[in-house]
Amino acid sequence: MPGWDHYSTWGYDEGLDCLYAQLFANQDDPDAAPRIWITQPRYLVRTVDELVVAIAKALTPHVPAPVPSEVIESWLTTPPR
């Protein structure tokens, strides 16, 4: 996602049987803890659609305008170049 694409990551945690996301704003220190961490127990995310919603909500206080779900979904589903 623009502004969050340098260090952020997401994936599937087999041990917890759920999806997760670790979001860093591009200006954040990549050696620090993620600014936003979407994982259990606060979030129980099993589908990409649920992860899109969780990311959109979690980003709201950190961005000047809400990020459209389509942008988040594209970021999650488009392979890196």
N, C-alpha and C. Protein backbone atom coordinates (compact mmCIF):
# COMPACT_ATOMS: atom_id res chain seq x y z
N MET A 1 0.85 -1.17 0.00
CA MET A 1 0.00 0.00 0.00
C MET A 1 0.89 1.23 0.00
N PRO A 2 0.55 2.22 -0.75
CA PRO A 2 1.37 3.42 -0.76
C PRO A 2 1.55 3.97 0.66
N GLY A 3 2.81 4.24 0.99
CA GLY A 3 3.13 4.76 2.31
C GLY A 3 3.36 3.68 3.36
N TRP A 4 3.04 2.45 3.02
CA TRP A 4 3.18 1.33 3.95
C TRP A 4 3.86 0.13 3.28
N ASP A 5 4.51 0.35 2.15
CA ASP A 5 4.98 -0.77 1.33
C ASP A 5 6.44 -1.17 1.52
N HIS A 6 7.22 -0.42 2.26
CA HIS A 6 8.64 -0.76 2.37
C HIS A 6 8.90 -1.95 3.30
N TYR A 7 8.22 -2.04 4.41
CA TYR A 7 8.55 -3.06 5.41
C TYR A 7 7.36 -3.91 5.85
N SER A 8 6.16 -3.55 5.46
CA SER A 8 4.97 -4.28 5.92
C SER A 8 4.94 -5.68 5.31
N THR A 9 4.32 -6.59 6.04
CA THR A 9 4.21 -7.96 5.57
C THR A 9 2.91 -8.57 6.07
N TRP A 10 2.51 -9.64 5.45
CA TRP A 10 1.34 -10.36 5.90
C TRP A 10 1.50 -11.81 5.49
N GLY A 11 0.73 -12.68 6.10
CA GLY A 11 0.82 -14.09 5.75
C GLY A 11 -0.10 -14.93 6.60
N TYR A 12 0.17 -16.23 6.58
CA TYR A 12 -0.63 -17.20 7.32
C TYR A 12 0.22 -17.79 8.42
N ASP A 13 -0.29 -17.77 9.64
CA ASP A 13 0.39 -18.36 10.79
C ASP A 13 -0.19 -19.75 11.02
N GLU A 14 0.57 -20.78 10.68
CA GLU A 14 0.08 -22.15 10.82
C GLU A 14 -0.20 -22.51 12.28
N GLY A 15 0.64 -22.04 13.19
CA GLY A 15 0.46 -22.36 14.60
C GLY A 15 -0.84 -21.81 15.17
N LEU A 16 -1.24 -20.63 14.72
CA LEU A 16 -2.47 -20.00 15.20
C LEU A 16 -3.65 -20.24 14.26
N ASP A 17 -3.38 -20.81 13.07
CA ASP A 17 -4.42 -21.09 12.08
C ASP A 17 -5.19 -19.83 11.70
N CYS A 18 -4.44 -18.76 11.37
CA CYS A 18 -5.09 -17.51 10.97
C CYS A 18 -4.12 -16.67 10.16
N LEU A 19 -4.65 -15.66 9.51
CA LEU A 19 -3.83 -14.69 8.79
C LEU A 19 -3.36 -13.61 9.76
N TYR A 20 -2.27 -12.95 9.42
CA TYR A 20 -1.75 -11.87 10.23
C TYR A 20 -1.23 -10.77 9.32
N ALA A 21 -1.01 -9.60 9.85
CA ALA A 21 -0.34 -8.51 9.13
C ALA A 21 0.51 -7.73 10.12
N GLN A 22 1.69 -7.34 9.68
CA GLN A 22 2.56 -6.45 10.43
C GLN A 22 2.76 -5.23 9.55
N LEU A 23 2.24 -4.09 9.98
CA LEU A 23 2.26 -2.89 9.16
C LEU A 23 3.19 -1.83 9.73
N PHE A 24 4.10 -1.38 8.88
CA PHE A 24 5.04 -0.31 9.19
C PHE A 24 4.80 0.81 8.21
N ALA A 25 4.66 2.03 8.68
CA ALA A 25 4.67 3.17 7.78
C ALA A 25 6.08 3.25 7.19
N ASN A 26 6.20 3.74 5.98
CA ASN A 26 7.52 3.77 5.33
C ASN A 26 8.57 4.52 6.13
N GLN A 27 8.17 5.51 6.91
CA GLN A 27 9.15 6.26 7.70
C GLN A 27 9.50 5.57 9.02
N ASP A 28 8.82 4.48 9.36
CA ASP A 28 9.10 3.77 10.60
C ASP A 28 10.45 3.05 10.54
N ASP A 29 11.03 2.81 11.70
CA ASP A 29 12.26 2.04 11.81
C ASP A 29 11.91 0.56 11.60
N PRO A 30 12.47 -0.09 10.58
CA PRO A 30 12.13 -1.49 10.34
C PRO A 30 12.59 -2.44 11.44
N ASP A 31 13.49 -1.97 12.31
CA ASP A 31 13.94 -2.80 13.42
C ASP A 31 13.05 -2.66 14.66
N ALA A 32 12.12 -1.72 14.62
CA ALA A 32 11.19 -1.52 15.73
C ALA A 32 9.99 -2.46 15.56
N ALA A 33 9.14 -2.48 16.56
CA ALA A 33 7.91 -3.26 16.46
C ALA A 33 7.01 -2.63 15.40
N PRO A 34 6.17 -3.44 14.75
CA PRO A 34 5.24 -2.88 13.78
C PRO A 34 4.34 -1.84 14.41
N ARG A 35 4.01 -0.81 13.65
CA ARG A 35 3.06 0.21 14.13
C ARG A 35 1.70 -0.44 14.35
N ILE A 36 1.32 -1.34 13.45
CA ILE A 36 0.05 -2.06 13.55
C ILE A 36 0.36 -3.54 13.41
N TRP A 37 -0.16 -4.32 14.36
CA TRP A 37 0.04 -5.76 14.31
C TRP A 37 -1.34 -6.41 14.39
N ILE A 38 -1.74 -7.05 13.32
CA ILE A 38 -3.03 -7.71 13.26
C ILE A 38 -2.79 -9.20 13.45
N THR A 39 -3.13 -9.68 14.64
CA THR A 39 -2.94 -11.08 14.99
C THR A 39 -3.84 -11.42 16.17
N GLN A 40 -3.87 -12.68 16.53
CA GLN A 40 -4.65 -13.09 17.69
C GLN A 40 -3.98 -12.56 18.95
N PRO A 41 -4.65 -12.36 20.04
CA PRO A 41 -6.07 -12.61 20.28
C PRO A 41 -6.98 -11.46 19.87
N ARG A 42 -6.40 -10.28 19.60
CA ARG A 42 -7.26 -9.14 19.27
C ARG A 42 -8.02 -9.35 17.96
N TYR A 43 -7.36 -9.95 16.99
CA TYR A 43 -7.98 -10.21 15.70
C TYR A 43 -7.94 -11.71 15.41
N LEU A 44 -9.05 -12.25 14.95
CA LEU A 44 -9.10 -13.63 14.48
C LEU A 44 -9.48 -13.55 13.01
N VAL A 45 -8.47 -13.62 12.15
CA VAL A 45 -8.66 -13.38 10.72
C VAL A 45 -8.41 -14.68 9.97
N ARG A 46 -9.43 -15.16 9.28
CA ARG A 46 -9.30 -16.44 8.56
C ARG A 46 -9.34 -16.29 7.05
N THR A 47 -9.82 -15.15 6.53
CA THR A 47 -9.90 -14.96 5.09
C THR A 47 -9.24 -13.64 4.69
N VAL A 48 -8.89 -13.53 3.43
CA VAL A 48 -8.31 -12.29 2.94
C VAL A 48 -9.31 -11.15 3.08
N ASP A 49 -10.59 -11.42 2.84
CA ASP A 49 -11.61 -10.38 3.01
C ASP A 49 -11.64 -9.86 4.44
N GLU A 50 -11.53 -10.75 5.42
CA GLU A 50 -11.50 -10.32 6.83
C GLU A 50 -10.23 -9.52 7.13
N LEU A 51 -9.12 -9.91 6.50
CA LEU A 51 -7.87 -9.18 6.70
C LEU A 51 -7.97 -7.77 6.11
N VAL A 52 -8.60 -7.65 4.96
CA VAL A 52 -8.81 -6.33 4.34
C VAL A 52 -9.57 -5.42 5.30
N VAL A 53 -10.64 -5.92 5.88
CA VAL A 53 -11.46 -5.12 6.81
C VAL A 53 -10.64 -4.74 8.04
N ALA A 54 -9.90 -5.69 8.59
CA ALA A 54 -9.09 -5.42 9.79
C ALA A 54 -8.03 -4.37 9.51
N ILE A 55 -7.37 -4.46 8.36
CA ILE A 55 -6.34 -3.48 8.00
C ILE A 55 -6.96 -2.11 7.80
N ALA A 56 -8.08 -2.06 7.09
CA ALA A 56 -8.75 -0.76 6.86
C ALA A 56 -9.08 -0.08 8.17
N LYS A 57 -9.64 -0.82 9.12
CA LYS A 57 -9.99 -0.24 10.42
C LYS A 57 -8.76 0.18 11.20
N ALA A 58 -7.73 -0.66 11.18
CA ALA A 58 -6.52 -0.37 11.95
C ALA A 58 -5.76 0.83 11.38
N LEU A 59 -5.82 1.05 10.08
CA LEU A 59 -5.11 2.16 9.46
C LEU A 59 -5.77 3.51 9.72
N THR A 60 -7.07 3.52 9.99
CA THR A 60 -7.83 4.76 10.08
C THR A 60 -7.18 5.84 10.94
N PRO A 61 -6.69 5.54 12.15
CA PRO A 61 -6.09 6.62 12.94
C PRO A 61 -4.70 7.07 12.44
N HIS A 62 -4.13 6.34 11.49
CA HIS A 62 -2.76 6.61 11.05
C HIS A 62 -2.66 7.26 9.67
N VAL A 63 -3.79 7.47 9.02
CA VAL A 63 -3.79 8.03 7.66
C VAL A 63 -4.74 9.22 7.60
N PRO A 64 -4.49 10.18 6.70
CA PRO A 64 -5.34 11.36 6.63
C PRO A 64 -6.74 11.08 6.07
N ALA A 65 -6.88 10.03 5.27
CA ALA A 65 -8.18 9.66 4.69
C ALA A 65 -8.28 8.15 4.69
N PRO A 66 -9.48 7.60 4.85
CA PRO A 66 -9.63 6.15 4.85
C PRO A 66 -9.06 5.53 3.56
N VAL A 67 -8.40 4.39 3.72
CA VAL A 67 -7.85 3.68 2.57
C VAL A 67 -8.96 2.78 2.02
N PRO A 68 -9.28 2.91 0.72
CA PRO A 68 -10.34 2.08 0.14
C PRO A 68 -9.99 0.59 0.23
N SER A 69 -10.99 -0.21 0.49
CA SER A 69 -10.81 -1.66 0.58
C SER A 69 -10.16 -2.22 -0.68
N GLU A 70 -10.50 -1.66 -1.83
CA GLU A 70 -9.95 -2.15 -3.09
C GLU A 70 -8.43 -1.99 -3.14
N VAL A 71 -7.92 -0.90 -2.57
CA VAL A 71 -6.48 -0.67 -2.55
C VAL A 71 -5.81 -1.70 -1.65
N ILE A 72 -6.39 -1.94 -0.50
CA ILE A 72 -5.82 -2.93 0.43
C ILE A 72 -5.87 -4.32 -0.19
N GLU A 73 -6.99 -4.68 -0.77
CA GLU A 73 -7.12 -6.01 -1.39
C GLU A 73 -6.11 -6.18 -2.52
N SER A 74 -5.92 -5.15 -3.33
CA SER A 74 -4.94 -5.23 -4.41
C SER A 74 -3.53 -5.43 -3.86
N TRP A 75 -3.19 -4.71 -2.78
CA TRP A 75 -1.89 -4.85 -2.15
C TRP A 75 -1.68 -6.28 -1.64
N LEU A 76 -2.73 -6.86 -1.08
CA LEU A 76 -2.62 -8.21 -0.53
C LEU A 76 -2.56 -9.29 -1.60
N THR A 77 -3.16 -9.06 -2.75
CA THR A 77 -3.31 -10.14 -3.73
C THR A 77 -2.46 -9.98 -4.99
N THR A 78 -1.77 -8.86 -5.14
CA THR A 78 -0.91 -8.67 -6.32
C THR A 78 0.51 -9.09 -5.97
N PRO A 79 1.07 -10.04 -6.71
CA PRO A 79 2.45 -10.46 -6.41
C PRO A 79 3.44 -9.30 -6.58
N PRO A 80 4.49 -9.27 -5.75
CA PRO A 80 5.49 -8.21 -5.89
C PRO A 80 6.22 -8.34 -7.22
N ARG A 81 6.72 -7.21 -7.71
CA ARG A 81 7.47 -7.24 -8.98
C ARG A 81 8.94 -7.26 -8.73
